[in-house]
Amino acid sequence: MAYLARIEPSEGQSVATPAAMRNPTPKPDFSPLEWSIIRLTCGDAVSTIREPSPLRRFYGWLIGRNVNRRLANERLEALRRIAILSWHFGFSVAGEDVADFLSAGFTPEQYELLVRSVRAPQLRTIAGEVLA
């Protein structure tokens, strides 16, 4: 029976494997530092991603609360911004904000992982830790 015969390459022939099997795409993930930034942004308001107005800066100076929430690293700041928006809006984030996140060096798969992680209907867990 022909269909039971084993198919093997003849001598001198190489086995052609698809490119996806030779170089599988790595599973999207974040570093522990990036996960901690995502976790810490769960309580931040959307207003924290905007620059404060002059009146807001004056008020902060007046009461002694000049808090700069921006991160010094631009890549991590892009992650912080998209994490805050994802906590509040899920996949309904504006395209330019997602484009900023992607231009910071992240992948679309990481964006999906981020949103799925923060918008899970059960207890929210990231990297094995309960966020509640």
Foldseek 3Di string as FASTA:
>chain_A
DVVPDDDDDDPPDDDDDDPCVVDPDDQDDDDPVLLVLLLVLLPPALCLLDDDDPVVCVVCVVVVNDDNPADPQQLSNLSNNLSNCLLPPQPPDDPVSVVSNVVSPHDVSNSNVSSCQNPPPPQRDDPRDGSD
